[in-house]
C-alpha atoms as a PDB file:
ATOM      1  CA  MET A   1       1.025   8.661  -7.428  1.00  0.00           C
ATOM      2  CA  ILE A   2       2.191   8.743  -3.809  1.00  0.00           C
ATOM      3  CA  SER A   3       5.327   7.013  -2.553  1.00  0.00           C
ATOM      4  CA  VAL A   4       7.148   6.441   0.729  1.00  0.00           C
ATOM      5  CA  SER A   5      10.843   5.536   0.752  1.00  0.00           C
ATOM      6  CA  VAL A   6      13.094   4.037   3.395  1.00  0.00           C
ATOM      7  CA  LYS A   7      16.781   4.756   2.828  1.00  0.00           C
ATOM      8  CA  ALA A   8      19.790   3.188   4.540  1.00  0.00           C
ATOM      9  CA  ASP A   9      22.969   5.054   5.449  1.00  0.00           C
ATOM     10  CA  VAL A  10      25.439   2.315   6.313  1.00  0.00           C
ATOM     11  CA  GLU A  11      28.752   4.115   5.695  1.00  0.00           C
ATOM     12  CA  GLU A  12      29.589   4.339   9.428  1.00  0.00           C
ATOM     13  CA  VAL A  13      28.941   0.615   9.910  1.00  0.00           C
ATOM     14  CA  LYS A  14      31.098  -0.284   6.896  1.00  0.00           C
ATOM     15  CA  ARG A  15      33.991   1.835   8.187  1.00  0.00           C
ATOM     16  CA  ALA A  16      33.711   0.214  11.617  1.00  0.00           C
ATOM     17  CA  LEU A  17      33.739  -3.326  10.245  1.00  0.00           C
ATOM     18  CA  GLY A  18      36.358  -2.893   7.546  1.00  0.00           C
ATOM     19  CA  ARG A  19      36.362  -3.615   3.837  1.00  0.00           C
ATOM     20  CA  ALA A  20      36.099  -7.412   4.105  1.00  0.00           C
ATOM     21  CA  LYS A  21      32.693  -7.200   5.666  1.00  0.00           C
ATOM     22  CA  ALA A  22      31.359  -4.327   3.538  1.00  0.00           C
ATOM     23  CA  SER A  23      29.491  -6.668   1.195  1.00  0.00           C
ATOM     24  CA  ALA A  24      27.816  -8.301   4.185  1.00  0.00           C
ATOM     25  CA  VAL A  25      26.708  -4.869   5.409  1.00  0.00           C
ATOM     26  CA  LYS A  26      25.192  -3.975   2.028  1.00  0.00           C
ATOM     27  CA  ALA A  27      23.422  -7.343   1.765  1.00  0.00           C
ATOM     28  CA  ALA A  28      22.091  -7.008   5.312  1.00  0.00           C
ATOM     29  CA  ALA A  29      20.916  -3.449   4.665  1.00  0.00           C
ATOM     30  CA  ALA A  30      19.100  -4.427   1.452  1.00  0.00           C
ATOM     31  CA  SER A  31      17.404  -7.389   3.114  1.00  0.00           C
ATOM     32  CA  ALA A  32      16.435  -5.341   6.173  1.00  0.00           C
ATOM     33  CA  LEU A  33      15.017  -2.569   3.978  1.00  0.00           C
ATOM     34  CA  ASN A  34      12.919  -5.052   2.001  1.00  0.00           C
ATOM     35  CA  LYS A  35      11.513  -6.602   5.167  1.00  0.00           C
ATOM     36  CA  THR A  36      10.850  -3.173   6.663  1.00  0.00           C
ATOM     37  CA  ILE A  37       9.023  -1.894   3.584  1.00  0.00           C
ATOM     38  CA  LYS A  38       6.825  -5.022   3.635  1.00  0.00           C
ATOM     39  CA  ASN A  39       5.876  -4.196   7.240  1.00  0.00           C
ATOM     40  CA  VAL A  40       5.170  -0.604   6.168  1.00  0.00           C
ATOM     41  CA  GLN A  41       2.902  -1.933   3.389  1.00  0.00           C
ATOM     42  CA  VAL A  42       0.909  -4.066   5.846  1.00  0.00           C
ATOM     43  CA  GLU A  43       0.528  -1.198   8.329  1.00  0.00           C
ATOM     44  CA  ALA A  44      -0.436   1.239   5.561  1.00  0.00           C
ATOM     45  CA  ALA A  45      -3.075  -1.175   4.253  1.00  0.00           C
ATOM     46  CA  HIS A  46      -4.642  -1.552   7.689  1.00  0.00           C
ATOM     47  CA  GLU A  47      -4.556   2.198   8.287  1.00  0.00           C
ATOM     48  CA  ILE A  48      -6.061   2.975   4.850  1.00  0.00           C
ATOM     49  CA  LYS A  49      -8.833   0.471   5.655  1.00  0.00           C
ATOM     50  CA  GLN A  50      -9.918   2.917   8.381  1.00  0.00           C
ATOM     51  CA  HIS A  51     -10.512   5.567   5.677  1.00  0.00           C
ATOM     52  CA  ARG A  52     -11.702   3.398   2.772  1.00  0.00           C
ATOM     53  CA  ALA A  53     -14.220   0.545   3.025  1.00  0.00           C
ATOM     54  CA  LEU A  54     -12.140  -1.799   0.876  1.00  0.00           C
ATOM     55  CA  PRO A  55     -10.808  -5.274   1.573  1.00  0.00           C
ATOM     56  CA  VAL A  56      -7.180  -5.193   2.771  1.00  0.00           C
ATOM     57  CA  SER A  57      -6.200  -7.460  -0.150  1.00  0.00           C
ATOM     58  CA  VAL A  58      -7.391  -4.830  -2.656  1.00  0.00           C
ATOM     59  CA  ILE A  59      -5.471  -2.121  -0.824  1.00  0.00           C
ATOM     60  CA  LYS A  60      -2.285  -4.226  -0.741  1.00  0.00           C
ATOM     61  CA  ARG A  61      -2.517  -4.841  -4.496  1.00  0.00           C
ATOM     62  CA  ALA A  62      -2.607  -1.077  -5.015  1.00  0.00           C
ATOM     63  CA  LEU A  63       0.474  -0.535  -2.806  1.00  0.00           C
ATOM     64  CA  LEU A  64       3.453  -1.492  -4.957  1.00  0.00           C
ATOM     65  CA  ILE A  65       6.879  -2.194  -3.459  1.00  0.00           C
ATOM     66  CA  VAL A  66      10.103  -1.213  -5.235  1.00  0.00           C
ATOM     67  CA  ARG A  67      12.673  -3.430  -3.544  1.00  0.00           C
ATOM     68  CA  ALA A  68      16.141  -2.379  -2.393  1.00  0.00           C
ATOM     69  CA  SER A  69      19.278  -4.012  -3.771  1.00  0.00           C
ATOM     70  CA  ARG A  70      22.930  -4.026  -2.708  1.00  0.00           C
ATOM     71  CA  SER A  71      23.684  -1.261  -5.180  1.00  0.00           C
ATOM     72  CA  ARG A  72      20.515   0.749  -4.441  1.00  0.00           C
ATOM     73  CA  LEU A  73      19.789   0.910  -0.727  1.00  0.00           C
ATOM     74  CA  ILE A  74      16.327   2.463  -0.994  1.00  0.00           C
ATOM     75  CA  ALA A  75      13.039   0.573  -0.678  1.00  0.00           C
ATOM     76  CA  THR A  76       9.925   2.420  -1.822  1.00  0.00           C
ATOM     77  CA  LEU A  77       6.205   1.917  -1.288  1.00  0.00           C
ATOM     78  CA  VAL A  78       4.197   3.426  -4.145  1.00  0.00           C
ATOM     79  CA  GLY A  79       0.445   3.933  -4.034  1.00  0.00           C
ATOM     80  CA  SER A  80      -0.810   3.309  -7.548  1.00  0.00           C
ATOM     81  CA  GLY A  81      -3.449   5.678  -8.823  1.00  0.00           C
ATOM     82  CA  ARG A  82      -5.434   2.981 -10.623  1.00  0.00           C
ATOM     83  CA  SER A  83      -9.173   3.373 -10.531  1.00  0.00           C
ATOM     84  CA  ILE A  84     -11.039   1.094  -8.136  1.00  0.00           C
ATOM     85  CA  SER A  85     -14.444  -0.172  -9.202  1.00  0.00           C
ATOM     86  CA  LEU A  86     -17.374   0.869  -7.019  1.00  0.00           C
ATOM     87  CA  ARG A  87     -18.256  -2.838  -6.830  1.00  0.00           C
ATOM     88  CA  LEU A  88     -15.328  -3.277  -4.404  1.00  0.00           C
ATOM     89  CA  TYR A  89     -16.775  -0.626  -2.103  1.00  0.00           C
ATOM     90  CA  GLY A  90     -19.569  -3.003  -1.076  1.00  0.00           C
ATOM     91  CA  ALA A  91     -22.113  -2.057  -3.749  1.00  0.00           C
ATOM     92  CA  ARG A  92     -25.677  -3.215  -3.057  1.00  0.00           C
ATOM     93  CA  GLN A  93     -28.551  -3.030  -5.534  1.00  0.00           C
ATOM     94  CA  SER A  94     -31.917  -1.881  -4.161  1.00  0.00           C
ATOM     95  CA  THR A  95     -35.053  -0.264  -5.544  1.00  0.00           C
ATOM     96  CA  ALA A  96     -33.553   3.161  -4.754  1.00  0.00           C
ATOM     97  CA  GLY A  97     -30.482   2.353  -6.873  1.00  0.00           C
ATOM     98  CA  VAL A  98     -27.033   1.187  -5.853  1.00  0.00           C
ATOM     99  CA  SER A  99     -25.627   2.145  -2.476  1.00  0.00           C
ATOM    100  CA  VAL A 100     -21.907   2.034  -1.685  1.00  0.00           C
ATOM    101  CA  LEU A 101     -19.799   2.479   1.429  1.00  0.00           C
ATOM    102  CA  VAL A 102     -16.714   4.479   0.460  1.00  0.00           C
ATOM    103  CA  ASP A 103     -15.784   6.036   3.820  1.00  0.00           C
ATOM    104  CA  PRO A 104     -16.790   3.995   6.891  1.00  0.00           C
ATOM    105  CA  ALA A 105     -17.191   7.193   8.928  1.00  0.00           C
ATOM    106  CA  ARG A 106     -19.760   8.646   6.510  1.00  0.00           C
ATOM    107  CA  GLY A 107     -22.023   5.637   5.939  1.00  0.00           C
ATOM    108  CA  ARG A 108     -23.639   4.256   2.784  1.00  0.00           C
ATOM    109  CA  LYS A 109     -24.570   6.597  -0.067  1.00  0.00           C
ATOM    110  CA  THR A 110     -26.867   6.021  -3.047  1.00  0.00           C
ATOM    111  CA  VAL A 111     -25.113   6.603  -6.366  1.00  0.00           C
ATOM    112  CA  SER A 112     -26.576   8.614  -9.225  1.00  0.00           C
ATOM    113  CA  ARG A 113     -25.157  10.583 -12.122  1.00  0.00           C
ATOM    114  CA  TYR A 114     -26.682  12.609 -14.962  1.00  0.00           C
ATOM    115  CA  GLY A 115     -29.949  12.437 -13.038  1.00  0.00           C
ATOM    116  CA  ASN A 116     -30.034   8.628 -13.440  1.00  0.00           C
ATOM    117  CA  LYS A 117     -29.824   5.997 -10.713  1.00  0.00           C
ATOM    118  CA  ALA A 118     -26.872   3.631 -10.852  1.00  0.00           C
ATOM    119  CA  PHE A 119     -27.376  -0.102 -11.381  1.00  0.00           C
ATOM    120  CA  GLN A 120     -25.338  -3.300 -11.171  1.00  0.00           C
ATOM    121  CA  VAL A 121     -24.909  -5.711 -14.057  1.00  0.00           C
ATOM    122  CA  ALA A 122     -24.185  -9.275 -12.930  1.00  0.00           C
ATOM    123  CA  SER A 123     -23.110 -10.412 -16.401  1.00  0.00           C
ATOM    124  CA  LEU A 124     -20.418  -7.680 -16.418  1.00  0.00           C
ATOM    125  CA  GLY A 125     -18.837  -8.746 -13.138  1.00  0.00           C
ATOM    126  CA  GLY A 126     -21.283  -7.045 -10.800  1.00  0.00           C
ATOM    127  CA  SER A 127     -19.795  -3.628 -11.559  1.00  0.00           C
ATOM    128  CA  VAL A 128     -21.765  -0.428 -11.038  1.00  0.00           C
ATOM    129  CA  TYR A 129     -22.972   1.445 -14.141  1.00  0.00           C
ATOM    130  CA  VAL A 130     -25.085   4.484 -14.921  1.00  0.00           C
ATOM    131  CA  ARG A 131     -26.836   5.530 -18.121  1.00  0.00           C
ATOM    132  CA  GLU A 132     -25.308   8.586 -19.767  1.00  0.00           C
ATOM    133  CA  GLY A 133     -28.639   9.911 -20.994  1.00  0.00           C
ATOM    134  CA  SER A 134     -32.304   9.049 -21.196  1.00  0.00           C
ATOM    135  CA  LYS A 135     -31.691   6.269 -23.738  1.00  0.00           C
ATOM    136  CA  ARG A 136     -30.803   2.681 -22.908  1.00  0.00           C
ATOM    137  CA  LEU A 137     -27.233   3.003 -24.160  1.00  0.00           C
ATOM    138  CA  PRO A 138     -24.485   4.156 -23.666  1.00  0.00           C
ATOM    139  CA  ILE A 139     -23.699   3.224 -20.079  1.00  0.00           C
ATOM    140  CA  GLU A 140     -20.653   4.259 -18.059  1.00  0.00           C
ATOM    141  CA  LYS A 141     -18.784   2.174 -15.475  1.00  0.00           C
ATOM    142  CA  LEU A 142     -18.325   3.997 -12.169  1.00  0.00           C
ATOM    143  CA  PHE A 143     -15.192   4.064 -10.038  1.00  0.00           C
ATOM    144  CA  GLY A 144     -14.484   5.115  -6.470  1.00  0.00           C
ATOM    145  CA  PRO A 145     -11.550   7.027  -4.991  1.00  0.00           C
ATOM    146  CA  ASN A 146      -8.072   5.567  -5.454  1.00  0.00           C
ATOM    147  CA  ILE A 147      -5.519   4.607  -2.809  1.00  0.00           C
ATOM    148  CA  PRO A 148      -3.187   7.662  -3.003  1.00  0.00           C
ATOM    149  CA  SER A 149      -6.066   9.888  -1.895  1.00  0.00           C
ATOM    150  CA  ALA A 150      -6.120   7.938   1.381  1.00  0.00           C
ATOM    151  CA  MET A 151      -2.316   7.675   1.686  1.00  0.00           C
ATOM    152  CA  VAL A 152      -1.953  11.442   2.092  1.00  0.00           C
ATOM    153  CA  LYS A 153      -4.043  11.492   5.271  1.00  0.00           C
ATOM    154  CA  SER A 154      -1.908  12.358   8.296  1.00  0.00           C
ATOM    155  CA  ALA A 155      -2.864   9.229  10.267  1.00  0.00           C
ATOM    156  CA  VAL A 156      -1.674   6.994   7.421  1.00  0.00           C
ATOM    157  CA  THR A 157       1.633   8.811   6.866  1.00  0.00           C
ATOM    158  CA  THR A 158       2.282   8.893  10.622  1.00  0.00           C
ATOM    159  CA  ALA A 159       1.690   5.145  10.912  1.00  0.00           C
ATOM    160  CA  MET A 160       3.974   4.386   7.946  1.00  0.00           C
ATOM    161  CA  THR A 161       6.756   6.569   9.343  1.00  0.00           C
ATOM    162  CA  ARG A 162       6.405   5.043  12.806  1.00  0.00           C
ATOM    163  CA  VAL A 163       6.660   1.485  11.477  1.00  0.00           C
ATOM    164  CA  ALA A 164       9.644   2.332   9.274  1.00  0.00           C
ATOM    165  CA  THR A 165      11.600   4.032  12.055  1.00  0.00           C
ATOM    166  CA  THR A 166      10.927   1.331  14.650  1.00  0.00           C
ATOM    167  CA  ASN A 167      11.428  -1.723  12.406  1.00  0.00           C
ATOM    168  CA  TRP A 168      14.505  -0.652  10.421  1.00  0.00           C
ATOM    169  CA  PRO A 169      17.133  -0.699  13.244  1.00  0.00           C
ATOM    170  CA  LYS A 170      15.895  -4.022  14.622  1.00  0.00           C
ATOM    171  CA  ARG A 171      15.775  -5.669  11.176  1.00  0.00           C
ATOM    172  CA  PHE A 172      19.215  -4.327  10.246  1.00  0.00           C
ATOM    173  CA  ARG A 173      20.780  -5.666  13.470  1.00  0.00           C
ATOM    174  CA  GLU A 174      19.208  -9.097  12.884  1.00  0.00           C
ATOM    175  CA  GLU A 175      20.273  -9.281   9.230  1.00  0.00           C
ATOM    176  CA  LEU A 176      23.808  -8.030   9.912  1.00  0.00           C
ATOM    177  CA  SER A 177      24.401 -10.506  12.744  1.00  0.00           C
ATOM    178  CA  TYR A 178      23.064 -13.327  10.536  1.00  0.00           C
ATOM    179  CA  ARG A 179      25.380 -12.372   7.653  1.00  0.00           C
ATOM    180  CA  LEU A 180      28.422 -12.000   9.924  1.00  0.00           C
ATOM    181  CA  ARG A 181      27.768 -15.378  11.596  1.00  0.00           C
ATOM    182  CA  ARG A 182      27.668 -16.957   8.125  1.00  0.00           C
ATOM    183  CA  LEU A 183      31.132 -15.463   7.476  1.00  0.00           C
ATOM    184  CA  GLY A 184      32.436 -17.055  10.693  1.00  0.00           C
ATOM    185  CA  PHE A 185      32.504 -14.035  12.990  1.00  0.00           C
ATOM    186  CA  GLU A 186      31.360 -14.154  16.576  1.00  0.00           C
ATOM    187  CA  VAL A 187      28.424 -11.786  17.079  1.00  0.00           C
ATOM    188  CA  THR A 188      27.025 -10.738  20.435  1.00  0.00           C
ATOM    189  CA  GLN A 189      23.601  -9.179  20.718  1.00  0.00           C
END
């Protein structure tokens, strides 16, 4: 399991604004963190798509967000290590077996295991299976690499860090000015 966290240190801002506005600062920080981590999730999904031939929607489902709250000013993006069916890697049945595209840079590969060609079963959701021996049964469902294996690549971590560091200050300013205006204070940008 891989995770990326964005943490807020708002003590200086709270001291500058005084105790009356401290709750507004915490609420603004939590909201800004949650919006920032959502942007990090989107950027991570698009960057992982460069390393895994998966639909962005599948990647986003595997990137779980742990939201920040007023009492816990940390938002975390966790890459779940769930197995991803080879069917989602663009599996195609042919006479040579099943070919899949796991890494766009490496091209399509034909899948085999135990000396047997893989095959797709439409009645079982189009998933990719392989026979475990020379007999008809048992068969084994095949899975591709999971999302955390792509999250550790330097291009992905760099993109996530870049988005977090550029979005956080802007989001925090916007959320804080919104909260202070709601309390009746004049805010200049």
